[in-house]
């Protein structure tokens, strides 16, 4: 009779523990899904930033090439541009 009561108590505890494990597993799955979504969003933002920067990078490269072909180094170009800025 005592052993039967202990067995029932053990079964009840096991059921509660399994329920707790199931809840924790569900929480872990949810967090993993959120992390994957955040990673996808970050990757999409990185790609968009690269796409947005590409024309500017290309233009900067063209300007550097133009200055080199004109024989103007970066310091001289900077001084020239600063001289053109209204004060």
PDB file of N, CA and C in Angstrom:
ATOM      1  N   UNK A   1       0.839  -1.197   0.000  1.00  0.00           N
ATOM      2  CA  UNK A   1       0.000   0.000   0.000  1.00  0.00           C
ATOM      3  C   UNK A   1       0.883   1.261   0.000  1.00  0.00           C
ATOM      4  N   UNK A   2       1.900   1.284   0.843  1.00  0.00           N
ATOM      5  CA  UNK A   2       2.831   2.418   0.892  1.00  0.00           C
ATOM      6  C   UNK A   2       3.625   2.489  -0.416  1.00  0.00           C
ATOM      7  N   UNK A   3       4.048   1.347  -0.907  1.00  0.00           N
ATOM      8  CA  UNK A   3       4.806   1.304  -2.156  1.00  0.00           C
ATOM      9  C   UNK A   3       3.950   1.807  -3.316  1.00  0.00           C
ATOM     10  N   UNK A   4       2.665   1.433  -3.296  1.00  0.00           N
ATOM     11  CA  UNK A   4       1.751   1.884  -4.355  1.00  0.00           C
ATOM     12  C   UNK A   4       1.596   3.408  -4.311  1.00  0.00           C
ATOM     13  N   UNK A   5       1.500   3.988  -3.130  1.00  0.00           N
ATOM     14  CA  UNK A   5       1.378   5.438  -2.977  1.00  0.00           C
ATOM     15  C   UNK A   5       2.650   6.133  -3.461  1.00  0.00           C
ATOM     16  N   UNK A   6       3.796   5.556  -3.124  1.00  0.00           N
ATOM     17  CA  UNK A   6       5.065   6.128  -3.569  1.00  0.00           C
ATOM     18  C   UNK A   6       5.187   6.068  -5.095  1.00  0.00           C
ATOM     19  N   UNK A   7       4.723   4.961  -5.673  1.00  0.00           N
ATOM     20  CA  UNK A   7       4.751   4.817  -7.121  1.00  0.00           C
ATOM     21  C   UNK A   7       3.873   5.870  -7.786  1.00  0.00           C
ATOM     22  N   UNK A   8       2.692   6.106  -7.250  1.00  0.00           N
ATOM     23  CA  UNK A   8       1.794   7.129  -7.802  1.00  0.00           C
ATOM     24  C   UNK A   8       2.405   8.524  -7.671  1.00  0.00           C
ATOM     25  N   UNK A   9       3.033   8.781  -6.527  1.00  0.00           N
ATOM     26  CA  UNK A   9       3.712  10.069  -6.335  1.00  0.00           C
ATOM     27  C   UNK A   9       4.823  10.237  -7.364  1.00  0.00           C
ATOM     28  N   UNK A  10       5.587   9.173  -7.576  1.00  0.00           N
ATOM     29  CA  UNK A  10       6.678   9.199  -8.552  1.00  0.00           C
ATOM     30  C   UNK A  10       6.131   9.451  -9.956  1.00  0.00           C
ATOM     31  N   UNK A  11       5.038   8.791 -10.298  1.00  0.00           N
ATOM     32  CA  UNK A  11       4.422   8.991 -11.613  1.00  0.00           C
ATOM     33  C   UNK A  11       3.945  10.435 -11.779  1.00  0.00           C
ATOM     34  N   UNK A  12       3.346  10.970 -10.734  1.00  0.00           N
ATOM     35  CA  UNK A  12       2.889  12.362 -10.786  1.00  0.00           C
ATOM     36  C   UNK A  12       4.055  13.326 -10.974  1.00  0.00           C
ATOM     37  N   UNK A  13       5.123  13.084 -10.214  1.00  0.00           N
ATOM     38  CA  UNK A  13       6.312  13.938 -10.347  1.00  0.00           C
ATOM     39  C   UNK A  13       6.912  13.825 -11.744  1.00  0.00           C
ATOM     40  N   UNK A  14       6.954  12.605 -12.262  1.00  0.00           N
ATOM     41  CA  UNK A  14       7.492  12.379 -13.603  1.00  0.00           C
ATOM     42  C   UNK A  14       6.655  13.120 -14.642  1.00  0.00           C
ATOM     43  N   UNK A  15       5.347  13.075 -14.499  1.00  0.00           N
ATOM     44  CA  UNK A  15       4.460  13.777 -15.424  1.00  0.00           C
ATOM     45  C   UNK A  15       4.671  15.278 -15.379  1.00  0.00           C
ATOM     46  N   UNK A  16       4.809  15.825 -14.172  1.00  0.00           N
ATOM     47  CA  UNK A  16       5.051  17.264 -14.041  1.00  0.00           C
ATOM     48  C   UNK A  16       6.409  17.652 -14.637  1.00  0.00           C
ATOM     49  N   UNK A  17       7.418  16.832 -14.373  1.00  0.00           N
ATOM     50  CA  UNK A  17       8.734  17.109 -14.941  1.00  0.00           C
ATOM     51  C   UNK A  17       8.702  17.054 -16.468  1.00  0.00           C
ATOM     52  N   UNK A  18       7.993  16.063 -17.011  1.00  0.00           N
ATOM     53  CA  UNK A  18       7.898  15.959 -18.464  1.00  0.00           C
ATOM     54  C   UNK A  18       7.181  17.179 -19.037  1.00  0.00           C
ATOM     55  N   UNK A  19       6.138  17.633 -18.356  1.00  0.00           N
ATOM     56  CA  UNK A  19       5.437  18.842 -18.797  1.00  0.00           C
ATOM     57  C   UNK A  19       6.357  20.050 -18.792  1.00  0.00           C
ATOM     58  N   UNK A  20       7.158  20.171 -17.745  1.00  0.00           N
ATOM     59  CA  UNK A  20       8.105  21.282 -17.657  1.00  0.00           C
ATOM     60  C   UNK A  20       9.149  21.196 -18.771  1.00  0.00           C
ATOM     61  N   UNK A  21       9.634  19.995 -19.037  1.00  0.00           N
ATOM     62  CA  UNK A  21      10.603  19.796 -20.120  1.00  0.00           C
ATOM     63  C   UNK A  21       9.979  20.165 -21.458  1.00  0.00           C
ATOM     64  N   UNK A  22       8.740  19.767 -21.679  1.00  0.00           N
ATOM     65  CA  UNK A  22       8.056  20.088 -22.933  1.00  0.00           C
ATOM     66  C   UNK A  22       7.927  21.600 -23.121  1.00  0.00           C
ATOM     67  N   UNK A  23       7.587  22.308 -22.044  1.00  0.00           N
ATOM     68  CA  UNK A  23       7.462  23.767 -22.111  1.00  0.00           C
ATOM     69  C   UNK A  23       8.820  24.397 -22.421  1.00  0.00           C
ATOM     70  N   UNK A  24       9.861  23.909 -21.753  1.00  0.00           N
ATOM     71  CA  UNK A  24      11.197  24.452 -22.003  1.00  0.00           C
ATOM     72  C   UNK A  24      11.658  24.166 -23.431  1.00  0.00           C
ATOM     73  N   UNK A  25      11.372  22.973 -23.925  1.00  0.00           N
ATOM     74  CA  UNK A  25      11.735  22.645 -25.310  1.00  0.00           C
ATOM     75  C   UNK A  25      11.006  23.550 -26.299  1.00  0.00           C
ATOM     76  N   UNK A  26       9.732  23.822 -26.028  1.00  0.00           N
ATOM     77  CA  UNK A  26       8.969  24.718 -26.901  1.00  0.00           C
ATOM     78  C   UNK A  26       9.573  26.124 -26.874  1.00  0.00           C
ATOM     79  N   UNK A  27       9.983  26.572 -25.690  1.00  0.00           N
ATOM     80  CA  UNK A  27      10.604  27.896 -25.576  1.00  0.00           C
ATOM     81  C   UNK A  27      11.922  27.945 -26.348  1.00  0.00           C
ATOM     82  N   UNK A  28      12.703  26.880 -26.265  1.00  0.00           N
ATOM     83  CA  UNK A  28      13.973  26.824 -26.999  1.00  0.00           C
ATOM     84  C   UNK A  28      13.714  26.856 -28.501  1.00  0.00           C
ATOM     85  N   UNK A  29      12.718  26.111 -28.967  1.00  0.00           N
ATOM     86  CA  UNK A  29      12.388  26.118 -30.396  1.00  0.00           C
ATOM     87  C   UNK A  29      11.950  27.512 -30.845  1.00  0.00           C
ATOM     88  N   UNK A  30      11.156  28.190 -30.020  1.00  0.00           N
ATOM     89  CA  UNK A  30      10.713  29.545 -30.345  1.00  0.00           C
ATOM     90  C   UNK A  30      11.900  30.510 -30.412  1.00  0.00           C
ATOM     91  N   UNK A  31      12.787  30.432 -29.428  1.00  0.00           N
ATOM     92  CA  UNK A  31      13.968  31.300 -29.436  1.00  0.00           C
ATOM     93  C   UNK A  31      14.858  31.020 -30.643  1.00  0.00           C
ATOM     94  N   UNK A  32      14.998  29.758 -31.003  1.00  0.00           N
ATOM     95  CA  UNK A  32      15.807  29.409 -32.175  1.00  0.00           C
ATOM     96  C   UNK A  32      15.182  29.978 -33.446  1.00  0.00           C
ATOM     97  N   UNK A  33      13.857  29.900 -33.552  1.00  0.00           N
ATOM     98  CA  UNK A  33      13.176  30.456 -34.726  1.00  0.00           C
ATOM     99  C   UNK A  33      13.354  31.975 -34.774  1.00  0.00           C
ATOM    100  N   UNK A  34      13.254  32.630 -33.622  1.00  0.00           N
ATOM    101  CA  UNK A  34      13.453  34.079 -33.573  1.00  0.00           C
ATOM    102  C   UNK A  34      14.891  34.446 -33.947  1.00  0.00           C
ATOM    103  N   UNK A  35      15.848  33.649 -33.491  1.00  0.00           N
ATOM    104  CA  UNK A  35      17.251  33.911 -33.827  1.00  0.00           C
ATOM    105  C   UNK A  35      17.485  33.749 -35.325  1.00  0.00           C
ATOM    106  N   UNK A  36      16.884  32.721 -35.926  1.00  0.00           N
ATOM    107  CA  UNK A  36      17.030  32.533 -37.375  1.00  0.00           C
ATOM    108  C   UNK A  36      16.413  33.704 -38.134  1.00  0.00           C
ATOM    109  N   UNK A  37      15.252  34.168 -37.677  1.00  0.00           N
ATOM    110  CA  UNK A  37      14.598  35.308 -38.333  1.00  0.00           C
ATOM    111  C   UNK A  37      15.456  36.568 -38.195  1.00  0.00           C
ATOM    112  N   UNK A  38      16.016  36.784 -37.018  1.00  0.00           N
ATOM    113  CA  UNK A  38      16.872  37.956 -36.810  1.00  0.00           C
ATOM    114  C   UNK A  38      18.116  37.871 -37.691  1.00  0.00           C
ATOM    115  N   UNK A  39      18.661  36.676 -37.834  1.00  0.00           N
ATOM    116  CA  UNK A  39      19.834  36.494 -38.694  1.00  0.00           C
ATOM    117  C   UNK A  39      19.481  36.795 -40.151  1.00  0.00           C
ATOM    118  N   UNK A  40      18.322  36.314 -40.591  1.00  0.00           N
ATOM    119  CA  UNK A  40      17.881  36.595 -41.968  1.00  0.00           C
ATOM    120  C   UNK A  40      17.699  38.098 -42.173  1.00  0.00           C
ATOM    121  N   UNK A  41      17.086  38.770 -41.184  1.00  0.00           N
ATOM    122  CA  UNK A  41      16.885  40.220 -41.284  1.00  0.00           C
ATOM    123  C   UNK A  41      18.224  40.958 -41.349  1.00  0.00           C
ATOM    124  N   UNK A  42      19.167  40.537 -40.510  1.00  0.00           N
ATOM    125  CA  UNK A  42      20.481  41.183 -40.502  1.00  0.00           C
ATOM    126  C   UNK A  42      21.199  40.957 -41.829  1.00  0.00           C
ATOM    127  N   UNK A  43      21.099  39.760 -42.369  1.00  0.00           N
ATOM    128  CA  UNK A  43      21.735  39.467 -43.652  1.00  0.00           C
ATOM    129  C   UNK A  43      21.097  40.290 -44.770  1.00  0.00           C
ATOM    130  N   UNK A  44      19.772  40.413 -44.741  1.00  0.00           N
ATOM    131  CA  UNK A  44      19.084  41.223 -45.750  1.00  0.00           C
ATOM    132  C   UNK A  44      19.509  42.689 -45.633  1.00  0.00           C
ATOM    133  N   UNK A  45      19.640  43.193 -44.414  1.00  0.00           N
ATOM    134  CA  UNK A  45      20.073  44.579 -44.210  1.00  0.00           C
ATOM    135  C   UNK A  45      21.506  44.773 -44.698  1.00  0.00           C
ATOM    136  N   UNK A  46      22.368  43.789 -44.451  1.00  0.00           N
ATOM    137  CA  UNK A  46      23.753  43.879 -44.915  1.00  0.00           C
ATOM    138  C   UNK A  46      23.807  43.927 -46.441  1.00  0.00           C
ATOM    139  N   UNK A  47      23.041  43.054 -47.076  1.00  0.00           N
ATOM    140  CA  UNK A  47      23.022  43.034 -48.539  1.00  0.00           C
ATOM    141  C   UNK A  47      22.477  44.341 -49.108  1.00  0.00           C
ATOM    142  N   UNK A  48      21.443  44.877 -48.482  1.00  0.00           N
ATOM    143  CA  UNK A  48      20.875  46.152 -48.935  1.00  0.00           C
ATOM    144  C   UNK A  48      21.890  47.280 -48.767  1.00  0.00           C
ATOM    145  N   UNK A  49      22.615  47.274 -47.648  1.00  0.00           N
ATOM    146  CA  UNK A  49      23.643  48.298 -47.429  1.00  0.00           C
ATOM    147  C   UNK A  49      24.734  48.197 -48.492  1.00  0.00           C
ATOM    148  N   UNK A  50      25.115  46.971 -48.832  1.00  0.00           N
ATOM    149  CA  UNK A  50      26.121  46.798 -49.886  1.00  0.00           C
ATOM    150  C   UNK A  50      25.596  47.306 -51.225  1.00  0.00           C
ATOM    151  N   UNK A  51      24.331  46.991 -51.527  1.00  0.00           N
ATOM    152  CA  UNK A  51      23.745  47.464 -52.786  1.00  0.00           C
ATOM    153  C   UNK A  51      23.674  48.985 -52.810  1.00  0.00           C
ATOM    154  N   UNK A  52      23.298  49.583 -51.678  1.00  0.00           N
ATOM    155  CA  UNK A  52      23.188  51.044 -51.609  1.00  0.00           C
ATOM    156  C   UNK A  52      24.551  51.711 -51.729  1.00  0.00           C
ATOM    157  N   UNK A  53      25.569  51.085 -51.167  1.00  0.00           N
ATOM    158  CA  UNK A  53      26.907  51.680 -51.175  1.00  0.00           C
ATOM    159  C   UNK A  53      27.613  51.494 -52.512  1.00  0.00           C
ATOM    160  N   UNK A  54      27.220  50.497 -53.269  1.00  0.00           N
ATOM    161  CA  UNK A  54      27.937  50.173 -54.509  1.00  0.00           C
ATOM    162  C   UNK A  54      28.052  51.358 -55.468  1.00  0.00           C
ATOM    163  N   UNK A  55      26.962  52.089 -55.744  1.00  0.00           N
ATOM    164  CA  UNK A  55      27.110  53.229 -56.667  1.00  0.00           C
ATOM    165  C   UNK A  55      28.062  54.296 -56.123  1.00  0.00           C
ATOM    166  N   UNK A  56      28.031  54.529 -54.808  1.00  0.00           N
ATOM    167  CA  UNK A  56      28.907  55.529 -54.202  1.00  0.00           C
ATOM    168  C   UNK A  56      30.361  55.068 -54.268  1.00  0.00           C
ATOM    169  N   UNK A  57      30.569  53.780 -53.986  1.00  0.00           N
ATOM    170  CA  UNK A  57      31.922  53.238 -54.078  1.00  0.00           C
ATOM    171  C   UNK A  57      32.443  53.342 -55.509  1.00  0.00           C
ATOM    172  N   UNK A  58      31.583  53.035 -56.456  1.00  0.00           N
ATOM    173  CA  UNK A  58      31.974  53.116 -57.864  1.00  0.00           C
ATOM    174  C   UNK A  58      32.322  54.554 -58.244  1.00  0.00           C
ATOM    175  N   UNK A  59      31.496  55.493 -57.808  1.00  0.00           N
ATOM    176  CA  UNK A  59      31.748  56.907 -58.124  1.00  0.00           C
ATOM    177  C   UNK A  59      33.052  57.371 -57.481  1.00  0.00           C
ATOM    178  N   UNK A  60      33.293  56.962 -56.242  1.00  0.00           N
ATOM    179  CA  UNK A  60      34.539  57.342 -55.572  1.00  0.00           C
ATOM    180  C   UNK A  60      35.742  56.769 -56.315  1.00  0.00           C
ATOM    181  N   UNK A  61      35.631  55.535 -56.769  1.00  0.00           N
ATOM    182  CA  UNK A  61      36.724  54.927 -57.536  1.00  0.00           C
ATOM    183  C   UNK A  61      36.948  55.685 -58.845  1.00  0.00           C
ATOM    184  N   UNK A  62      35.866  56.078 -59.495  1.00  0.00           N
ATOM    185  CA  UNK A  62      35.991  56.850 -60.738  1.00  0.00           C
ATOM    186  C   UNK A  62      36.680  58.191 -60.486  1.00  0.00           C
ATOM    187  N   UNK A  63      36.299  58.847 -59.390  1.00  0.00           N
ATOM    188  CA  UNK A  63      36.919  60.139 -59.072  1.00  0.00           C
ATOM    189  C   UNK A  63      38.401  59.979 -58.752  1.00  0.00           C
ATOM    190  N   UNK A  64      38.747  58.918 -58.001  1.00  0.00           N
ATOM    191  CA  UNK A  64      40.161  58.677 -57.710  1.00  0.00           C
ATOM    192  C   UNK A  64      40.940  58.435 -59.006  1.00  0.00           C
ATOM    193  N   UNK A  65      40.355  57.646 -59.885  1.00  0.00           N
ATOM    194  CA  UNK A  65      41.017  57.379 -61.167  1.00  0.00           C
ATOM    195  C   UNK A  65      41.171  58.667 -61.978  1.00  0.00           C
ATOM    196  N   UNK A  66      40.148  59.489 -61.976  1.00  0.00           N
ATOM    197  CA  UNK A  66      40.207  60.754 -62.709  1.00  0.00           C
ATOM    198  C   UNK A  66      41.322  61.640 -62.155  1.00  0.00           C
ATOM    199  N   UNK A  67      41.410  61.719 -60.810  1.00  0.00           N
ATOM    200  CA  UNK A  67      42.453  62.538 -60.182  1.00  0.00           C
ATOM    201  C   UNK A  67      43.838  62.000 -60.536  1.00  0.00           C
ATOM    202  N   UNK A  68      43.986  60.676 -60.488  1.00  0.00           N
ATOM    203  CA  UNK A  68      45.286  60.089 -60.830  1.00  0.00           C
ATOM    204  C   UNK A  68      45.643  60.394 -62.287  1.00  0.00           C
ATOM    205  N   UNK A  69      44.653  60.271 -63.147  1.00  0.00           N
ATOM    206  CA  UNK A  69      44.941  60.533 -64.564  1.00  0.00           C
ATOM    207  C   UNK A  69      45.250  62.010 -64.792  1.00  0.00           C
ATOM    208  N   UNK A  70      44.729  62.870 -63.937  1.00  0.00           N
ATOM    209  CA  UNK A  70      45.006  64.304 -64.044  1.00  0.00           C
ATOM    210  C   UNK A  70      46.290  64.668 -63.308  1.00  0.00           C
ATOM    211  N   UNK A  71      46.899  63.681 -62.624  1.00  0.00           N
ATOM    212  CA  UNK A  71      48.145  63.921 -61.908  1.00  0.00           C
ATOM    213  C   UNK A  71      47.954  64.585 -60.563  1.00  0.00           C
ATOM    214  N   UNK A  72      46.763  64.505 -60.008  1.00  0.00           N
ATOM    215  CA  UNK A  72      46.472  65.164 -58.736  1.00  0.00           C
ATOM    216  C   UNK A  72      46.413  64.105 -57.641  1.00  0.00           C
ATOM    217  N   UNK A  73      47.191  64.275 -56.583  1.00  0.00           N
ATOM    218  CA  UNK A  73      47.122  63.303 -55.497  1.00  0.00           C
ATOM    219  C   UNK A  73      45.984  63.651 -54.535  1.00  0.00           C
ATOM    220  N   UNK A  74      45.740  62.776 -53.573  1.00  0.00           N
ATOM    221  CA  UNK A  74      44.617  62.964 -52.649  1.00  0.00           C
ATOM    222  C   UNK A  74      44.730  64.260 -51.853  1.00  0.00           C
ATOM    223  N   UNK A  75      45.930  64.603 -51.400  1.00  0.00           N
ATOM    224  CA  UNK A  75      46.091  65.829 -50.606  1.00  0.00           C
ATOM    225  C   UNK A  75      45.780  67.063 -51.449  1.00  0.00           C
ATOM    226  N   UNK A  76      46.294  67.077 -52.654  1.00  0.00           N
ATOM    227  CA  UNK A  76      46.036  68.223 -53.528  1.00  0.00           C
ATOM    228  C   UNK A  76      44.555  68.323 -53.854  1.00  0.00           C
ATOM    229  N   UNK A  77      43.922  67.183 -54.084  1.00  0.00           N
ATOM    230  CA  UNK A  77      42.488  67.195 -54.382  1.00  0.00           C
ATOM    231  C   UNK A  77      41.694  67.705 -53.193  1.00  0.00           C
ATOM    232  N   UNK A  78      42.094  67.298 -52.001  1.00  0.00           N
ATOM    233  CA  UNK A  78      41.394  67.755 -50.798  1.00  0.00           C
ATOM    234  C   UNK A  78      41.554  69.257 -50.629  1.00  0.00           C
ATOM    235  N   UNK A  79      42.774  69.751 -50.802  1.00  0.00           N
ATOM    236  CA  UNK A  79      42.992  71.202 -50.693  1.00  0.00           C
ATOM    237  C   UNK A  79      42.160  71.954 -51.732  1.00  0.00           C
ATOM    238  N   UNK A  80      42.120  71.435 -52.948  1.00  0.00           N
ATOM    239  CA  UNK A  80      41.355  72.087 -54.007  1.00  0.00           C
ATOM    240  C   UNK A  80      39.874  72.115 -53.653  1.00  0.00           C
ATOM    241  N   UNK A  81      39.357  70.976 -53.190  1.00  0.00           N
ATOM    242  CA  UNK A  81      37.932  70.927 -52.844  1.00  0.00           C
ATOM    243  C   UNK A  81      37.612  71.846 -51.679  1.00  0.00           C
ATOM    244  N   UNK A  82      38.486  71.885 -50.669  1.00  0.00           N
ATOM    245  CA  UNK A  82      38.257  72.774 -49.529  1.00  0.00           C
ATOM    246  C   UNK A  82      38.292  74.232 -49.958  1.00  0.00           C
ATOM    247  N   UNK A  83      39.129  74.562 -50.904  1.00  0.00           N
ATOM    248  CA  UNK A  83      39.207  75.941 -51.385  1.00  0.00           C
ATOM    249  C   UNK A  83      37.922  76.353 -52.094  1.00  0.00           C
ATOM    250  N   UNK A  84      37.203  75.377 -52.638  1.00  0.00           N
ATOM    251  CA  UNK A  84      35.964  75.678 -53.355  1.00  0.00           C
ATOM    252  C   UNK A  84      34.763  75.849 -52.426  1.00  0.00           C
ATOM    253  N   UNK A  85      34.909  75.436 -51.167  1.00  0.00           N
ATOM    254  CA  UNK A  85      33.786  75.511 -50.228  1.00  0.00           C
ATOM    255  C   UNK A  85      33.568  76.962 -49.823  1.00  0.00           C
ATOM    256  N   UNK A  86      32.337  77.470 -49.969  1.00  0.00           N
ATOM    257  CA  UNK A  86      32.062  78.854 -49.543  1.00  0.00           C
ATOM    258  C   UNK A  86      32.239  78.997 -48.030  1.00  0.00           C
ATOM    259  N   UNK A  87      32.757  80.136 -47.630  1.00  0.00           N
ATOM    260  CA  UNK A  87      32.980  80.366 -46.188  1.00  0.00           C
ATOM    261  C   UNK A  87      32.008  81.370 -45.655  1.00  0.00           C
TER     262      UNK A  87
END
